[in-house]
Amino acid sequence: MNYVNETLQKLQKGQEIYGTVRSVSSSGMSRKISFFTVEDGELINLTYSIAELLGYKVQDFHGFNCIRVQGVGMDMIFKVVYDLGFILHSDGYFFRSRQI
């Protein structure tokens, strides 16, 4: 397993992870998504941490850090959050995902 940073270790069961789709490719086959959570009323950017753990590359989109996720036919925010929960806790439903 890859190095898990402190930010990801502090996430609790059922915690919401928010995703924002910044861009969809013209073919519709990929999206650039940023990920966040809220902790003590503060917005925490999880994009780099998730990318590092799950093996995604971080890309810039008009000043926003994003993960490029390929695929169609499903909620790609859910997919990334599911994969995160599965890698960290062997439970894809450990976290909740929400699009903002």
N, C-alpha and C. Protein backbone atom coordinates (compact mmCIF):
# COMPACT_ATOMS: atom_id res chain seq x y z
N MET A 1 0.85 -1.19 0.00
CA MET A 1 0.00 0.00 0.00
C MET A 1 0.89 1.23 0.00
N ASN A 2 0.46 2.23 -0.71
CA ASN A 2 1.20 3.49 -0.77
C ASN A 2 1.16 4.21 0.58
N TYR A 3 2.04 5.17 0.71
CA TYR A 3 2.08 6.01 1.90
C TYR A 3 0.74 6.72 2.09
N VAL A 4 0.19 6.64 3.28
CA VAL A 4 -1.07 7.32 3.60
C VAL A 4 -0.74 8.51 4.48
N ASN A 5 -1.04 9.71 3.97
CA ASN A 5 -0.67 10.89 4.77
C ASN A 5 -1.65 11.13 5.92
N GLU A 6 -1.27 12.02 6.80
CA GLU A 6 -2.03 12.31 8.01
C GLU A 6 -3.46 12.77 7.73
N THR A 7 -3.65 13.52 6.66
CA THR A 7 -4.98 14.03 6.32
C THR A 7 -5.95 12.88 6.07
N LEU A 8 -5.53 11.89 5.31
CA LEU A 8 -6.39 10.75 5.02
C LEU A 8 -6.59 9.87 6.25
N GLN A 9 -5.59 9.76 7.09
CA GLN A 9 -5.70 8.94 8.30
C GLN A 9 -6.74 9.49 9.26
N LYS A 10 -6.96 10.81 9.25
CA LYS A 10 -7.89 11.44 10.19
C LYS A 10 -9.35 11.34 9.75
N LEU A 11 -9.61 10.91 8.52
CA LEU A 11 -10.99 10.82 8.04
C LEU A 11 -11.74 9.73 8.80
N GLN A 12 -12.97 10.04 9.20
CA GLN A 12 -13.78 9.13 10.02
C GLN A 12 -14.81 8.38 9.18
N LYS A 13 -15.28 7.28 9.71
CA LYS A 13 -16.32 6.50 9.04
C LYS A 13 -17.56 7.37 8.82
N GLY A 14 -18.09 7.35 7.62
CA GLY A 14 -19.27 8.12 7.28
C GLY A 14 -19.00 9.57 6.92
N GLN A 15 -17.75 10.00 7.00
CA GLN A 15 -17.42 11.39 6.67
C GLN A 15 -17.69 11.65 5.19
N GLU A 16 -18.23 12.83 4.92
CA GLU A 16 -18.52 13.20 3.54
C GLU A 16 -17.27 13.72 2.84
N ILE A 17 -17.07 13.23 1.64
CA ILE A 17 -16.02 13.73 0.78
C ILE A 17 -16.71 14.33 -0.43
N TYR A 18 -16.44 15.59 -0.66
CA TYR A 18 -17.09 16.34 -1.72
C TYR A 18 -16.22 16.37 -2.96
N GLY A 19 -16.86 16.23 -4.11
CA GLY A 19 -16.15 16.31 -5.38
C GLY A 19 -16.77 17.38 -6.25
N THR A 20 -15.92 18.10 -6.96
CA THR A 20 -16.37 19.12 -7.91
C THR A 20 -15.80 18.77 -9.27
N VAL A 21 -16.68 18.56 -10.24
CA VAL A 21 -16.22 18.29 -11.61
C VAL A 21 -15.87 19.63 -12.23
N ARG A 22 -14.59 19.80 -12.52
CA ARG A 22 -14.10 21.06 -13.08
C ARG A 22 -14.21 21.09 -14.60
N SER A 23 -14.10 19.92 -15.23
CA SER A 23 -14.10 19.86 -16.69
C SER A 23 -14.48 18.46 -17.14
N VAL A 24 -15.19 18.39 -18.26
CA VAL A 24 -15.50 17.12 -18.91
C VAL A 24 -14.91 17.20 -20.30
N SER A 25 -14.21 16.15 -20.72
CA SER A 25 -13.60 16.17 -22.06
C SER A 25 -14.68 16.22 -23.12
N SER A 26 -14.32 16.67 -24.31
CA SER A 26 -15.30 16.80 -25.40
C SER A 26 -15.88 15.44 -25.77
N SER A 27 -15.13 14.37 -25.58
CA SER A 27 -15.64 13.03 -25.88
C SER A 27 -16.53 12.49 -24.75
N GLY A 28 -16.44 13.12 -23.58
CA GLY A 28 -17.20 12.66 -22.42
C GLY A 28 -16.56 11.48 -21.72
N MET A 29 -15.35 11.12 -22.12
CA MET A 29 -14.67 9.93 -21.59
C MET A 29 -13.83 10.20 -20.35
N SER A 30 -13.62 11.46 -20.00
CA SER A 30 -12.85 11.76 -18.78
C SER A 30 -13.34 13.05 -18.15
N ARG A 31 -13.03 13.16 -16.87
CA ARG A 31 -13.39 14.35 -16.09
C ARG A 31 -12.21 14.77 -15.25
N LYS A 32 -12.12 16.06 -14.98
CA LYS A 32 -11.15 16.59 -14.04
C LYS A 32 -11.94 16.97 -12.79
N ILE A 33 -11.57 16.35 -11.68
CA ILE A 33 -12.34 16.48 -10.44
C ILE A 33 -11.44 16.89 -9.29
N SER A 34 -11.92 17.79 -8.45
CA SER A 34 -11.24 18.19 -7.21
C SER A 34 -12.03 17.60 -6.05
N PHE A 35 -11.31 17.21 -4.96
CA PHE A 35 -11.94 16.57 -3.81
C PHE A 35 -11.64 17.34 -2.52
N PHE A 36 -12.66 17.42 -1.66
CA PHE A 36 -12.57 18.19 -0.42
C PHE A 36 -13.33 17.47 0.69
N THR A 37 -13.05 17.86 1.91
CA THR A 37 -13.88 17.51 3.06
C THR A 37 -13.92 18.72 3.97
N VAL A 38 -14.81 18.69 4.94
CA VAL A 38 -14.92 19.78 5.91
C VAL A 38 -14.55 19.22 7.28
N GLU A 39 -13.63 19.92 7.94
CA GLU A 39 -13.18 19.51 9.27
C GLU A 39 -13.12 20.73 10.16
N ASP A 40 -13.85 20.71 11.25
CA ASP A 40 -13.92 21.84 12.18
C ASP A 40 -14.29 23.13 11.46
N GLY A 41 -15.22 23.04 10.52
CA GLY A 41 -15.69 24.20 9.78
C GLY A 41 -14.74 24.70 8.71
N GLU A 42 -13.66 23.97 8.48
CA GLU A 42 -12.67 24.40 7.49
C GLU A 42 -12.67 23.43 6.31
N LEU A 43 -12.60 23.98 5.09
CA LEU A 43 -12.56 23.19 3.88
C LEU A 43 -11.14 22.66 3.68
N ILE A 44 -11.00 21.34 3.58
CA ILE A 44 -9.70 20.69 3.43
C ILE A 44 -9.62 20.09 2.02
N ASN A 45 -8.60 20.46 1.27
CA ASN A 45 -8.41 19.93 -0.08
C ASN A 45 -7.74 18.56 0.02
N LEU A 46 -8.42 17.54 -0.51
CA LEU A 46 -7.91 16.17 -0.47
C LEU A 46 -7.34 15.71 -1.81
N THR A 47 -7.37 16.57 -2.81
CA THR A 47 -7.02 16.18 -4.17
C THR A 47 -5.64 15.53 -4.25
N TYR A 48 -4.61 16.19 -3.72
CA TYR A 48 -3.25 15.64 -3.78
C TYR A 48 -3.15 14.31 -3.02
N SER A 49 -3.74 14.25 -1.85
CA SER A 49 -3.65 13.05 -1.02
C SER A 49 -4.31 11.86 -1.69
N ILE A 50 -5.48 12.07 -2.26
CA ILE A 50 -6.18 11.00 -2.96
C ILE A 50 -5.40 10.57 -4.20
N ALA A 51 -4.90 11.54 -4.95
CA ALA A 51 -4.14 11.22 -6.16
C ALA A 51 -2.91 10.38 -5.82
N GLU A 52 -2.21 10.76 -4.77
CA GLU A 52 -1.01 10.04 -4.37
C GLU A 52 -1.33 8.60 -3.98
N LEU A 53 -2.38 8.42 -3.19
CA LEU A 53 -2.73 7.09 -2.71
C LEU A 53 -3.27 6.19 -3.82
N LEU A 54 -4.12 6.75 -4.69
CA LEU A 54 -4.77 5.94 -5.70
C LEU A 54 -4.03 5.91 -7.04
N GLY A 55 -2.94 6.65 -7.14
CA GLY A 55 -2.13 6.59 -8.35
C GLY A 55 -2.60 7.47 -9.49
N TYR A 56 -3.36 8.51 -9.19
CA TYR A 56 -3.79 9.47 -10.22
C TYR A 56 -2.75 10.58 -10.34
N LYS A 57 -2.73 11.23 -11.49
CA LYS A 57 -1.89 12.40 -11.67
C LYS A 57 -2.71 13.64 -11.37
N VAL A 58 -2.10 14.60 -10.70
CA VAL A 58 -2.77 15.86 -10.42
C VAL A 58 -2.53 16.79 -11.60
N GLN A 59 -3.59 17.40 -12.08
CA GLN A 59 -3.51 18.33 -13.20
C GLN A 59 -4.09 19.67 -12.79
N ASP A 60 -3.64 20.71 -13.46
CA ASP A 60 -4.15 22.06 -13.20
C ASP A 60 -5.27 22.34 -14.19
N PHE A 61 -6.35 22.94 -13.72
CA PHE A 61 -7.43 23.41 -14.59
C PHE A 61 -7.81 24.80 -14.13
N HIS A 62 -7.34 25.80 -14.84
CA HIS A 62 -7.62 27.20 -14.54
C HIS A 62 -7.33 27.54 -13.07
N GLY A 63 -6.20 27.05 -12.57
CA GLY A 63 -5.79 27.36 -11.21
C GLY A 63 -6.28 26.39 -10.15
N PHE A 64 -7.08 25.40 -10.54
CA PHE A 64 -7.58 24.41 -9.59
C PHE A 64 -6.82 23.10 -9.78
N ASN A 65 -6.45 22.45 -8.69
CA ASN A 65 -5.82 21.14 -8.76
C ASN A 65 -6.91 20.09 -8.93
N CYS A 66 -6.72 19.20 -9.88
CA CYS A 66 -7.73 18.20 -10.21
C CYS A 66 -7.09 16.84 -10.45
N ILE A 67 -7.91 15.83 -10.32
CA ILE A 67 -7.53 14.47 -10.70
C ILE A 67 -8.28 14.18 -12.00
N ARG A 68 -7.57 13.65 -12.97
CA ARG A 68 -8.22 13.26 -14.23
C ARG A 68 -8.68 11.82 -14.08
N VAL A 69 -10.00 11.63 -14.17
CA VAL A 69 -10.60 10.31 -14.00
C VAL A 69 -11.25 9.92 -15.32
N GLN A 70 -10.88 8.75 -15.82
CA GLN A 70 -11.43 8.29 -17.08
C GLN A 70 -12.56 7.31 -16.85
N GLY A 71 -13.55 7.35 -17.75
CA GLY A 71 -14.66 6.42 -17.70
C GLY A 71 -15.99 7.12 -17.89
N VAL A 72 -17.00 6.34 -18.24
CA VAL A 72 -18.34 6.87 -18.45
C VAL A 72 -19.35 5.89 -17.87
N GLY A 73 -20.58 6.35 -17.74
CA GLY A 73 -21.66 5.46 -17.34
C GLY A 73 -21.86 5.32 -15.84
N MET A 74 -21.10 6.08 -15.05
CA MET A 74 -21.30 6.03 -13.61
C MET A 74 -20.84 7.35 -12.99
N ASP A 75 -21.14 7.52 -11.75
CA ASP A 75 -20.72 8.71 -10.99
C ASP A 75 -19.25 8.54 -10.65
N MET A 76 -18.39 9.31 -11.29
CA MET A 76 -16.95 9.16 -11.11
C MET A 76 -16.48 9.68 -9.76
N ILE A 77 -17.21 10.62 -9.16
CA ILE A 77 -16.89 11.06 -7.80
C ILE A 77 -17.10 9.89 -6.85
N PHE A 78 -18.24 9.22 -6.99
CA PHE A 78 -18.52 8.04 -6.17
C PHE A 78 -17.42 7.00 -6.35
N LYS A 79 -17.00 6.76 -7.59
CA LYS A 79 -15.98 5.75 -7.88
C LYS A 79 -14.69 6.03 -7.12
N VAL A 80 -14.22 7.28 -7.16
CA VAL A 80 -12.96 7.63 -6.49
C VAL A 80 -13.11 7.50 -4.98
N VAL A 81 -14.22 7.98 -4.43
CA VAL A 81 -14.44 7.90 -2.98
C VAL A 81 -14.60 6.43 -2.54
N TYR A 82 -15.27 5.63 -3.35
CA TYR A 82 -15.41 4.20 -3.07
C TYR A 82 -14.03 3.54 -3.04
N ASP A 83 -13.22 3.82 -4.07
CA ASP A 83 -11.87 3.26 -4.14
C ASP A 83 -11.03 3.69 -2.93
N LEU A 84 -11.17 4.93 -2.51
CA LEU A 84 -10.44 5.44 -1.35
C LEU A 84 -10.80 4.64 -0.09
N GLY A 85 -12.09 4.47 0.14
CA GLY A 85 -12.54 3.70 1.31
C GLY A 85 -12.07 2.26 1.25
N PHE A 86 -12.08 1.68 0.06
CA PHE A 86 -11.66 0.29 -0.08
C PHE A 86 -10.17 0.13 0.20
N ILE A 87 -9.35 1.05 -0.32
CA ILE A 87 -7.90 0.97 -0.10
C ILE A 87 -7.56 1.22 1.38
N LEU A 88 -8.20 2.20 1.99
CA LEU A 88 -7.86 2.54 3.38
C LEU A 88 -8.45 1.58 4.41
N HIS A 89 -9.68 1.09 4.15
CA HIS A 89 -10.40 0.35 5.20
C HIS A 89 -11.05 -0.95 4.71
N SER A 90 -10.75 -1.37 3.50
CA SER A 90 -11.37 -2.56 2.90
C SER A 90 -12.89 -2.46 2.88
N ASP A 91 -13.39 -1.24 2.78
CA ASP A 91 -14.83 -0.97 2.76
C ASP A 91 -15.09 0.21 1.83
N GLY A 92 -15.59 -0.08 0.64
CA GLY A 92 -15.86 0.98 -0.32
C GLY A 92 -16.91 1.98 0.14
N TYR A 93 -17.72 1.59 1.10
CA TYR A 93 -18.78 2.47 1.60
C TYR A 93 -18.40 3.14 2.92
N PHE A 94 -17.12 3.14 3.26
CA PHE A 94 -16.64 3.74 4.50
C PHE A 94 -16.93 5.24 4.56
N PHE A 95 -16.76 5.92 3.41
CA PHE A 95 -17.01 7.36 3.31
C PHE A 95 -18.27 7.61 2.49
N ARG A 96 -18.81 8.81 2.62
CA ARG A 96 -19.95 9.21 1.78
C ARG A 96 -19.44 10.21 0.74
N SER A 97 -19.98 10.13 -0.45
CA SER A 97 -19.56 11.07 -1.50
C SER A 97 -20.72 12.01 -1.84
N ARG A 98 -20.36 13.21 -2.20
CA ARG A 98 -21.36 14.20 -2.59
C ARG A 98 -20.74 15.14 -3.61
N GLN A 99 -21.51 15.44 -4.64
CA GLN A 99 -21.04 16.38 -5.66
C GLN A 99 -21.43 17.80 -5.26
N ILE A 100 -20.48 18.72 -5.40
CA ILE A 100 -20.78 20.13 -5.16
C ILE A 100 -20.42 20.94 -6.39
